[in-house]
Amino acid sequence: VDPNNISTAFYELQDPAGQLKAYMEDALRSAI
């Protein structure tokens, strides 16, 4: 979590780990 954006991290995403995983999978599917 960015120490300067703690409130954004709390209020913006319901499932940060799930969102991060989805972005990683998408980026890998684009690169490989």
Full PDB file with SEQRES, HELIX, SHEET, SSBOND, CRYST1, ORIGX, SCALE, CONECT and MASTER records, all heavy atoms in Angstrom:
SEQRES   1 A   32  VAL ASP PRO ASN ASN ILE SER THR ALA PHE TYR GLU LEU          
SEQRES   2 A   32  GLN ASP PRO ALA GLY GLN LEU LYS ALA TYR MET GLU ASP          
SEQRES   3 A   32  ALA LEU ARG SER ALA ILE                                      
HELIX    1 AA1 PRO A    3  ASN A    5  5                                   3    
HELIX    2 AA2 ILE A    6  GLU A   12  1                                   7    
HELIX    3 AA3 PRO A   16  ALA A   31  1                                  16    
CRYST1    1.000    1.000    1.000  90.00  90.00  90.00 P 1           1          
ORIGX1      1.000000  0.000000  0.000000        0.00000                         
ORIGX2      0.000000  1.000000  0.000000        0.00000                         
ORIGX3      0.000000  0.000000  1.000000        0.00000                         
SCALE1      1.000000  0.000000  0.000000        0.00000                         
SCALE2      0.000000  1.000000  0.000000        0.00000                         
SCALE3      0.000000  0.000000  1.000000        0.00000                         
ATOM      1  N   VAL A   1       0.861  -1.176   0.000  1.00  0.00           N  
ATOM      2  CA  VAL A   1       0.000   0.000   0.000  1.00  0.00           C  
ATOM      3  C   VAL A   1       0.899   1.228   0.000  1.00  0.00           C  
ATOM      4  O   VAL A   1       1.863   1.304   0.758  1.00  0.00           O  
ATOM      5  CB  VAL A   1      -0.924   0.009   1.245  1.00  0.00           C  
ATOM      6  CG1 VAL A   1      -1.700   1.310   1.337  1.00  0.00           C  
ATOM      7  CG2 VAL A   1      -1.876  -1.172   1.218  1.00  0.00           C  
ATOM      8  N   ASP A   2       0.594   2.185  -0.867  1.00  0.00           N  
ATOM      9  CA  ASP A   2       1.336   3.441  -0.927  1.00  0.00           C  
ATOM     10  C   ASP A   2       1.005   4.247   0.332  1.00  0.00           C  
ATOM     11  O   ASP A   2      -0.164   4.565   0.569  1.00  0.00           O  
ATOM     12  CB  ASP A   2       0.937   4.221  -2.182  1.00  0.00           C  
ATOM     13  CG  ASP A   2       1.688   5.518  -2.348  1.00  0.00           C  
ATOM     14  OD1 ASP A   2       2.478   5.889  -1.450  1.00  0.00           O  
ATOM     15  OD2 ASP A   2       1.485   6.175  -3.383  1.00  0.00           O  
ATOM     16  N   PRO A   3       1.996   4.578   1.158  1.00  0.00           N  
ATOM     17  CA  PRO A   3       1.710   5.314   2.406  1.00  0.00           C  
ATOM     18  C   PRO A   3       1.016   6.655   2.181  1.00  0.00           C  
ATOM     19  O   PRO A   3       0.338   7.150   3.070  1.00  0.00           O  
ATOM     20  CB  PRO A   3       3.102   5.515   3.030  1.00  0.00           C  
ATOM     21  CG  PRO A   3       3.963   4.487   2.419  1.00  0.00           C  
ATOM     22  CD  PRO A   3       3.411   4.233   1.041  1.00  0.00           C  
ATOM     23  N   ASN A   4       1.165   7.229   0.989  1.00  0.00           N  
ATOM     24  CA  ASN A   4       0.511   8.504   0.694  1.00  0.00           C  
ATOM     25  C   ASN A   4      -0.915   8.334   0.184  1.00  0.00           C  
ATOM     26  O   ASN A   4      -1.630   9.319   0.040  1.00  0.00           O  
ATOM     27  CB  ASN A   4       1.327   9.286  -0.347  1.00  0.00           C  
ATOM     28  CG  ASN A   4       2.706   9.606   0.161  1.00  0.00           C  
ATOM     29  OD1 ASN A   4       2.894   9.945   1.324  1.00  0.00           O  
ATOM     30  ND2 ASN A   4       3.696   9.467  -0.700  1.00  0.00           N  
ATOM     31  N   ASN A   5      -1.316   7.101  -0.107  1.00  0.00           N  
ATOM     32  CA  ASN A   5      -2.651   6.842  -0.661  1.00  0.00           C  
ATOM     33  C   ASN A   5      -3.382   5.738   0.092  1.00  0.00           C  
ATOM     34  O   ASN A   5      -4.053   4.909  -0.510  1.00  0.00           O  
ATOM     35  CB  ASN A   5      -2.544   6.471  -2.144  1.00  0.00           C  
ATOM     36  CG  ASN A   5      -2.126   7.638  -2.988  1.00  0.00           C  
ATOM     37  OD1 ASN A   5      -2.633   8.737  -2.829  1.00  0.00           O  
ATOM     38  ND2 ASN A   5      -1.182   7.404  -3.882  1.00  0.00           N  
ATOM     39  N   ILE A   6      -3.262   5.732   1.397  1.00  0.00           N  
ATOM     40  CA  ILE A   6      -3.892   4.686   2.208  1.00  0.00           C  
ATOM     41  C   ILE A   6      -5.405   4.724   2.060  1.00  0.00           C  
ATOM     42  O   ILE A   6      -6.055   3.688   1.918  1.00  0.00           O  
ATOM     43  CB  ILE A   6      -3.466   4.817   3.686  1.00  0.00           C  
ATOM     44  CG1 ILE A   6      -1.973   4.518   3.814  1.00  0.00           C  
ATOM     45  CG2 ILE A   6      -4.278   3.892   4.575  1.00  0.00           C  
ATOM     46  CD1 ILE A   6      -1.393   4.789   5.186  1.00  0.00           C  
ATOM     47  N   SER A   7      -5.985   5.907   2.064  1.00  0.00           N  
ATOM     48  CA  SER A   7      -7.447   5.996   1.957  1.00  0.00           C  
ATOM     49  C   SER A   7      -7.916   5.507   0.586  1.00  0.00           C  
ATOM     50  O   SER A   7      -8.938   4.825   0.487  1.00  0.00           O  
ATOM     51  CB  SER A   7      -7.919   7.422   2.210  1.00  0.00           C  
ATOM     52  OG  SER A   7      -7.383   8.313   1.256  1.00  0.00           O  
ATOM     53  N   THR A   8      -7.177   5.817  -0.465  1.00  0.00           N  
ATOM     54  CA  THR A   8      -7.532   5.339  -1.808  1.00  0.00           C  
ATOM     55  C   THR A   8      -7.471   3.815  -1.846  1.00  0.00           C  
ATOM     56  O   THR A   8      -8.368   3.165  -2.394  1.00  0.00           O  
ATOM     57  CB  THR A   8      -6.569   5.925  -2.857  1.00  0.00           C  
ATOM     58  OG1 THR A   8      -6.613   7.344  -2.775  1.00  0.00           O  
ATOM     59  CG2 THR A   8      -6.938   5.483  -4.261  1.00  0.00           C  
ATOM     60  N   ALA A   9      -6.427   3.232  -1.257  1.00  0.00           N  
ATOM     61  CA  ALA A   9      -6.281   1.776  -1.239  1.00  0.00           C  
ATOM     62  C   ALA A   9      -7.440   1.115  -0.498  1.00  0.00           C  
ATOM     63  O   ALA A   9      -7.896   0.039  -0.889  1.00  0.00           O  
ATOM     64  CB  ALA A   9      -4.956   1.386  -0.591  1.00  0.00           C  
ATOM     65  N   PHE A  10      -7.936   1.764   0.543  1.00  0.00           N  
ATOM     66  CA  PHE A  10      -9.030   1.179   1.320  1.00  0.00           C  
ATOM     67  C   PHE A  10     -10.377   1.341   0.619  1.00  0.00           C  
ATOM     68  O   PHE A  10     -11.165   0.405   0.550  1.00  0.00           O  
ATOM     69  CB  PHE A  10      -9.090   1.812   2.717  1.00  0.00           C  
ATOM     70  CG  PHE A  10     -10.281   1.370   3.519  1.00  0.00           C  
ATOM     71  CD1 PHE A  10     -10.460   0.040   3.859  1.00  0.00           C  
ATOM     72  CD2 PHE A  10     -11.226   2.290   3.942  1.00  0.00           C  
ATOM     73  CE1 PHE A  10     -11.554  -0.364   4.605  1.00  0.00           C  
ATOM     74  CE2 PHE A  10     -12.315   1.889   4.680  1.00  0.00           C  
ATOM     75  CZ  PHE A  10     -12.487   0.561   5.013  1.00  0.00           C  
ATOM     76  N   TYR A  11     -10.646   2.516   0.076  1.00  0.00           N  
ATOM     77  CA  TYR A  11     -11.970   2.803  -0.449  1.00  0.00           C  
ATOM     78  C   TYR A  11     -12.174   2.410  -1.910  1.00  0.00           C  
ATOM     79  O   TYR A  11     -13.306   2.242  -2.346  1.00  0.00           O  
ATOM     80  CB  TYR A  11     -12.301   4.291  -0.278  1.00  0.00           C  
ATOM     81  CG  TYR A  11     -12.570   4.670   1.152  1.00  0.00           C  
ATOM     82  CD1 TYR A  11     -11.656   5.425   1.874  1.00  0.00           C  
ATOM     83  CD2 TYR A  11     -13.732   4.272   1.789  1.00  0.00           C  
ATOM     84  CE1 TYR A  11     -11.893   5.773   3.184  1.00  0.00           C  
ATOM     85  CE2 TYR A  11     -13.977   4.607   3.104  1.00  0.00           C  
ATOM     86  CZ  TYR A  11     -13.054   5.359   3.797  1.00  0.00           C  
ATOM     87  OH  TYR A  11     -13.293   5.692   5.109  1.00  0.00           O  
ATOM     88  N   GLU A  12     -11.120   2.266  -2.710  1.00  0.00           N  
ATOM     89  CA  GLU A  12     -11.292   2.048  -4.140  1.00  0.00           C  
ATOM     90  C   GLU A  12     -11.505   0.581  -4.528  1.00  0.00           C  
ATOM     91  O   GLU A  12     -12.309   0.301  -5.402  1.00  0.00           O  
ATOM     92  CB  GLU A  12     -10.086   2.595  -4.909  1.00  0.00           C  
ATOM     93  CG  GLU A  12     -10.020   4.098  -4.924  1.00  0.00           C  
ATOM     94  CD  GLU A  12     -11.136   4.756  -5.708  1.00  0.00           C  
ATOM     95  OE1 GLU A  12     -11.501   4.250  -6.785  1.00  0.00           O  
ATOM     96  OE2 GLU A  12     -11.663   5.765  -5.233  1.00  0.00           O  
ATOM     97  N   LEU A  13     -10.759  -0.340  -3.932  1.00  0.00           N  
ATOM     98  CA  LEU A  13     -10.837  -1.739  -4.351  1.00  0.00           C  
ATOM     99  C   LEU A  13     -11.438  -2.617  -3.266  1.00  0.00           C  
ATOM    100  O   LEU A  13     -11.037  -2.550  -2.105  1.00  0.00           O  
ATOM    101  CB  LEU A  13      -9.443  -2.282  -4.688  1.00  0.00           C  
ATOM    102  CG  LEU A  13      -8.811  -1.811  -5.988  1.00  0.00           C  
ATOM    103  CD1 LEU A  13      -7.444  -2.457  -6.161  1.00  0.00           C  
ATOM    104  CD2 LEU A  13      -9.684  -2.115  -7.172  1.00  0.00           C  
ATOM    105  N   GLN A  14     -12.367  -3.475  -3.666  1.00  0.00           N  
ATOM    106  CA  GLN A  14     -12.953  -4.444  -2.744  1.00  0.00           C  
ATOM    107  C   GLN A  14     -11.979  -5.604  -2.504  1.00  0.00           C  
ATOM    108  O   GLN A  14     -11.839  -6.076  -1.392  1.00  0.00           O  
ATOM    109  CB  GLN A  14     -14.272  -4.980  -3.333  1.00  0.00           C  
ATOM    110  CG  GLN A  14     -14.947  -6.025  -2.481  1.00  0.00           C  
ATOM    111  CD  GLN A  14     -15.552  -5.449  -1.224  1.00  0.00           C  
ATOM    112  OE1 GLN A  14     -15.940  -4.289  -1.194  1.00  0.00           O  
ATOM    113  NE2 GLN A  14     -15.645  -6.239  -0.185  1.00  0.00           N  
ATOM    114  N   ASP A  15     -11.313  -6.054  -3.580  1.00  0.00           N  
ATOM    115  CA  ASP A  15     -10.414  -7.206  -3.510  1.00  0.00           C  
ATOM    116  C   ASP A  15      -9.093  -6.867  -4.208  1.00  0.00           C  
ATOM    117  O   ASP A  15      -8.902  -7.213  -5.377  1.00  0.00           O  
ATOM    118  CB  ASP A  15     -11.083  -8.416  -4.171  1.00  0.00           C  
ATOM    119  CG  ASP A  15     -10.233  -9.666  -4.132  1.00  0.00           C  
ATOM    120  OD1 ASP A  15      -9.267  -9.718  -3.344  1.00  0.00           O  
ATOM    121  OD2 ASP A  15     -10.529 -10.598  -4.902  1.00  0.00           O  
ATOM    122  N   PRO A  16      -8.174  -6.169  -3.523  1.00  0.00           N  
ATOM    123  CA  PRO A  16      -6.918  -5.772  -4.168  1.00  0.00           C  
ATOM    124  C   PRO A  16      -6.099  -6.952  -4.688  1.00  0.00           C  
ATOM    125  O   PRO A  16      -5.529  -6.875  -5.780  1.00  0.00           O  
ATOM    126  CB  PRO A  16      -6.158  -5.031  -3.075  1.00  0.00           C  
ATOM    127  CG  PRO A  16      -7.141  -4.732  -2.014  1.00  0.00           C  
ATOM    128  CD  PRO A  16      -8.267  -5.691  -2.158  1.00  0.00           C  
ATOM    129  N   ALA A  17      -6.047  -8.040  -3.945  1.00  0.00           N  
ATOM    130  CA  ALA A  17      -5.264  -9.198  -4.377  1.00  0.00           C  
ATOM    131  C   ALA A  17      -5.855  -9.802  -5.653  1.00  0.00           C  
ATOM    132  O   ALA A  17      -5.121 -10.161  -6.572  1.00  0.00           O  
ATOM    133  CB  ALA A  17      -5.199 -10.245  -3.267  1.00  0.00           C  
ATOM    134  N   GLY A  18      -7.155  -9.889  -5.723  1.00  0.00           N  
ATOM    135  CA  GLY A  18      -7.805 -10.407  -6.920  1.00  0.00           C  
ATOM    136  C   GLY A  18      -7.570  -9.511  -8.127  1.00  0.00           C  
ATOM    137  O   GLY A  18      -7.343  -9.993  -9.248  1.00  0.00           O  
ATOM    138  N   GLN A  19      -7.619  -8.195  -7.914  1.00  0.00           N  
ATOM    139  CA  GLN A  19      -7.380  -7.252  -9.006  1.00  0.00           C  
ATOM    140  C   GLN A  19      -5.930  -7.340  -9.485  1.00  0.00           C  
ATOM    141  O   GLN A  19      -5.665  -7.341 -10.679  1.00  0.00           O  
ATOM    142  CB  GLN A  19      -7.695  -5.829  -8.553  1.00  0.00           C  
ATOM    143  CG  GLN A  19      -7.703  -4.827  -9.664  1.00  0.00           C  
ATOM    144  CD  GLN A  19      -8.871  -5.046 -10.608  1.00  0.00           C  
ATOM    145  OE1 GLN A  19      -9.981  -5.302 -10.181  1.00  0.00           O  
ATOM    146  NE2 GLN A  19      -8.603  -4.960 -11.890  1.00  0.00           N  
ATOM    147  N   LEU A  20      -5.003  -7.432  -8.543  1.00  0.00           N  
ATOM    148  CA  LEU A  20      -3.589  -7.548  -8.890  1.00  0.00           C  
ATOM    149  C   LEU A  20      -3.337  -8.823  -9.695  1.00  0.00           C  
ATOM    150  O   LEU A  20      -2.623  -8.813 -10.699  1.00  0.00           O  
ATOM    151  CB  LEU A  20      -2.735  -7.525  -7.629  1.00  0.00           C  
ATOM    152  CG  LEU A  20      -1.235  -7.666  -7.811  1.00  0.00           C  
ATOM    153  CD1 LEU A  20      -0.673  -6.473  -8.562  1.00  0.00           C  
ATOM    154  CD2 LEU A  20      -0.551  -7.805  -6.471  1.00  0.00           C  
ATOM    155  N   LYS A  21      -3.942  -9.911  -9.264  1.00  0.00           N  
ATOM    156  CA  LYS A  21      -3.789 -11.178  -9.980  1.00  0.00           C  
ATOM    157  C   LYS A  21      -4.335 -11.068 -11.400  1.00  0.00           C  
ATOM    158  O   LYS A  21      -3.702 -11.534 -12.357  1.00  0.00           O  
ATOM    159  CB  LYS A  21      -4.514 -12.295  -9.219  1.00  0.00           C  
ATOM    160  CG  LYS A  21      -4.378 -13.642  -9.869  1.00  0.00           C  
ATOM    161  CD  LYS A  21      -5.083 -14.714  -9.065  1.00  0.00           C  
ATOM    162  CE  LYS A  21      -4.944 -16.047  -9.782  1.00  0.00           C  
ATOM    163  NZ  LYS A  21      -5.720 -17.089  -9.150  1.00  0.00           N  
ATOM    164  N   ALA A  22      -5.487 -10.445 -11.557  1.00  0.00           N  
ATOM    165  CA  ALA A  22      -6.081 -10.292 -12.889  1.00  0.00           C  
ATOM    166  C   ALA A  22      -5.183  -9.455 -13.799  1.00  0.00           C  
ATOM    167  O   ALA A  22      -4.980  -9.795 -14.975  1.00  0.00           O  
ATOM    168  CB  ALA A  22      -7.463  -9.660 -12.779  1.00  0.00           C  
ATOM    169  N   TYR A  23      -4.631  -8.362 -13.279  1.00  0.00           N  
ATOM    170  CA  TYR A  23      -3.721  -7.528 -14.080  1.00  0.00           C  
ATOM    171  C   TYR A  23      -2.454  -8.296 -14.461  1.00  0.00           C  
ATOM    172  O   TYR A  23      -1.957  -8.178 -15.580  1.00  0.00           O  
ATOM    173  CB  TYR A  23      -3.338  -6.257 -13.327  1.00  0.00           C  
ATOM    174  CG  TYR A  23      -4.381  -5.165 -13.362  1.00  0.00           C  
ATOM    175  CD1 TYR A  23      -4.729  -4.489 -12.213  1.00  0.00           C  
ATOM    176  CD2 TYR A  23      -5.006  -4.791 -14.550  1.00  0.00           C  
ATOM    177  CE1 TYR A  23      -5.679  -3.475 -12.238  1.00  0.00           C  
ATOM    178  CE2 TYR A  23      -5.951  -3.783 -14.589  1.00  0.00           C  
ATOM    179  CZ  TYR A  23      -6.284  -3.130 -13.426  1.00  0.00           C  
ATOM    180  OH  TYR A  23      -7.225  -2.129 -13.458  1.00  0.00           O  
ATOM    181  N   MET A  24      -1.930  -9.086 -13.528  1.00  0.00           N  
ATOM    182  CA  MET A  24      -0.720  -9.871 -13.822  1.00  0.00           C  
ATOM    183  C   MET A  24      -0.991 -10.911 -14.903  1.00  0.00           C  
ATOM    184  O   MET A  24      -0.200 -11.077 -15.830  1.00  0.00           O  
ATOM    185  CB  MET A  24      -0.201 -10.557 -12.557  1.00  0.00           C  
ATOM    186  CG  MET A  24       0.513  -9.622 -11.620  1.00  0.00           C  
ATOM    187  SD  MET A  24       1.236 -10.502 -10.245  1.00  0.00           S  
ATOM    188  CE  MET A  24       2.400 -11.560 -11.061  1.00  0.00           C  
ATOM    189  N   GLU A  25      -2.104 -11.628 -14.773  1.00  0.00           N  
ATOM    190  CA  GLU A  25      -2.441 -12.629 -15.775  1.00  0.00           C  
ATOM    191  C   GLU A  25      -2.618 -11.992 -17.147  1.00  0.00           C  
ATOM    192  O   GLU A  25      -2.160 -12.530 -18.162  1.00  0.00           O  
ATOM    193  CB  GLU A  25      -3.706 -13.389 -15.361  1.00  0.00           C  
ATOM    194  CG  GLU A  25      -3.488 -14.318 -14.193  1.00  0.00           C  
ATOM    195  CD  GLU A  25      -4.763 -14.950 -13.677  1.00  0.00           C  
ATOM    196  OE1 GLU A  25      -5.876 -14.506 -14.070  1.00  0.00           O  
ATOM    197  OE2 GLU A  25      -4.663 -15.889 -12.867  1.00  0.00           O  
ATOM    198  N   ASP A  26      -3.276 -10.843 -17.193  1.00  0.00           N  
ATOM    199  CA  ASP A  26      -3.488 -10.150 -18.461  1.00  0.00           C  
ATOM    200  C   ASP A  26      -2.158  -9.728 -19.091  1.00  0.00           C  
ATOM    201  O   ASP A  26      -1.938  -9.913 -20.290  1.00  0.00           O  
ATOM    202  CB  ASP A  26      -4.392  -8.935 -18.245  1.00  0.00           C  
ATOM    203  CG  ASP A  26      -4.714  -8.226 -19.541  1.00  0.00           C  
ATOM    204  OD1 ASP A  26      -5.257  -8.882 -20.458  1.00  0.00           O  
ATOM    205  OD2 ASP A  26      -4.408  -7.023 -19.643  1.00  0.00           O  
ATOM    206  N   ALA A  27      -1.274  -9.178 -18.277  1.00  0.00           N  
ATOM    207  CA  ALA A  27       0.024  -8.732 -18.789  1.00  0.00           C  
ATOM    208  C   ALA A  27       0.859  -9.917 -19.278  1.00  0.00           C  
ATOM    209  O   ALA A  27       1.526  -9.823 -20.314  1.00  0.00           O  
ATOM    210  CB  ALA A  27       0.784  -7.964 -17.707  1.00  0.00           C  
ATOM    211  N   LEU A  28       0.814 -11.029 -18.562  1.00  0.00           N  
ATOM    212  CA  LEU A  28       1.559 -12.220 -18.993  1.00  0.00           C  
ATOM    213  C   LEU A  28       0.974 -12.801 -20.278  1.00  0.00           C  
ATOM    214  O   LEU A  28       1.708 -13.205 -21.174  1.00  0.00           O  
ATOM    215  CB  LEU A  28       1.563 -13.277 -17.889  1.00  0.00           C  
ATOM    216  CG  LEU A  28       2.463 -12.983 -16.691  1.00  0.00           C  
ATOM    217  CD1 LEU A  28       2.164 -13.931 -15.552  1.00  0.00           C  
ATOM    218  CD2 LEU A  28       3.924 -13.065 -17.101  1.00  0.00           C  
ATOM    219  N   ARG A  29      -0.359 -12.827 -20.384  1.00  0.00           N  
ATOM    220  CA  ARG A  29      -1.000 -13.332 -21.601  1.00  0.00           C  
ATOM    221  C   ARG A  29      -0.690 -12.450 -22.808  1.00  0.00           C  
ATOM    222  O   ARG A  29      -0.747 -12.900 -23.941  1.00  0.00           O  
ATOM    223  CB  ARG A  29      -2.511 -13.425 -21.407  1.00  0.00           C  
ATOM    224  CG  ARG A  29      -2.943 -14.662 -20.692  1.00  0.00           C  
ATOM    225  CD  ARG A  29      -4.437 -14.906 -20.822  1.00  0.00           C  
ATOM    226  NE  ARG A  29      -4.830 -15.931 -19.892  1.00  0.00           N  
ATOM    227  CZ  ARG A  29      -5.442 -15.711 -18.731  1.00  0.00           C  
ATOM    228  NH1 ARG A  29      -5.746 -14.482 -18.373  1.00  0.00           N  
ATOM    229  NH2 ARG A  29      -5.755 -16.702 -17.942  1.00  0.00           N  
ATOM    230  N   SER A  30      -0.393 -11.191 -22.572  1.00  0.00           N  
ATOM    231  CA  SER A  30      -0.020 -10.296 -23.670  1.00  0.00           C  
ATOM    232  C   SER A  30       1.439 -10.469 -24.076  1.00  0.00           C  
ATOM    233  O   SER A  30       1.770 -10.342 -25.259  1.00  0.00           O  
ATOM    234  CB  SER A  30      -0.243  -8.839 -23.262  1.00  0.00           C  
ATOM    235  OG  SER A  30      -1.597  -8.599 -23.016  1.00  0.00           O  
ATOM    236  N   ALA A  31       2.302 -10.752 -23.128  1.00  0.00           N  
ATOM    237  CA  ALA A  31       3.742 -10.797 -23.397  1.00  0.00           C  
ATOM    238  C   ALA A  31       4.206 -12.128 -23.978  1.00  0.00           C  
ATOM    239  O   ALA A  31       4.967 -12.151 -24.953  1.00  0.00           O  
ATOM    240  CB  ALA A  31       4.521 -10.493 -22.124  1.00  0.00           C  
ATOM    241  N   ILE A  32       3.767 -13.231 -23.428  1.00  0.00           N  
ATOM    242  CA  ILE A  32       4.306 -14.551 -23.786  1.00  0.00           C  
ATOM    243  C   ILE A  32       3.936 -14.991 -25.206  1.00  0.00           C  
ATOM    244  O   ILE A  32       4.800 -15.493 -25.929  1.00  0.00           O  
ATOM    245  CB  ILE A  32       3.891 -15.617 -22.747  1.00  0.00           C  
ATOM    246  CG1 ILE A  32       4.414 -15.251 -21.361  1.00  0.00           C  
ATOM    247  CG2 ILE A  32       4.363 -16.998 -23.154  1.00  0.00           C  
ATOM    248  CD1 ILE A  32       5.912 -15.150 -21.251  1.00  0.00           C  
TER     249      ILE A  32                                                      
MASTER        0    0    0    3    0    0    0    6  248    1    0    3          
END                                                                             
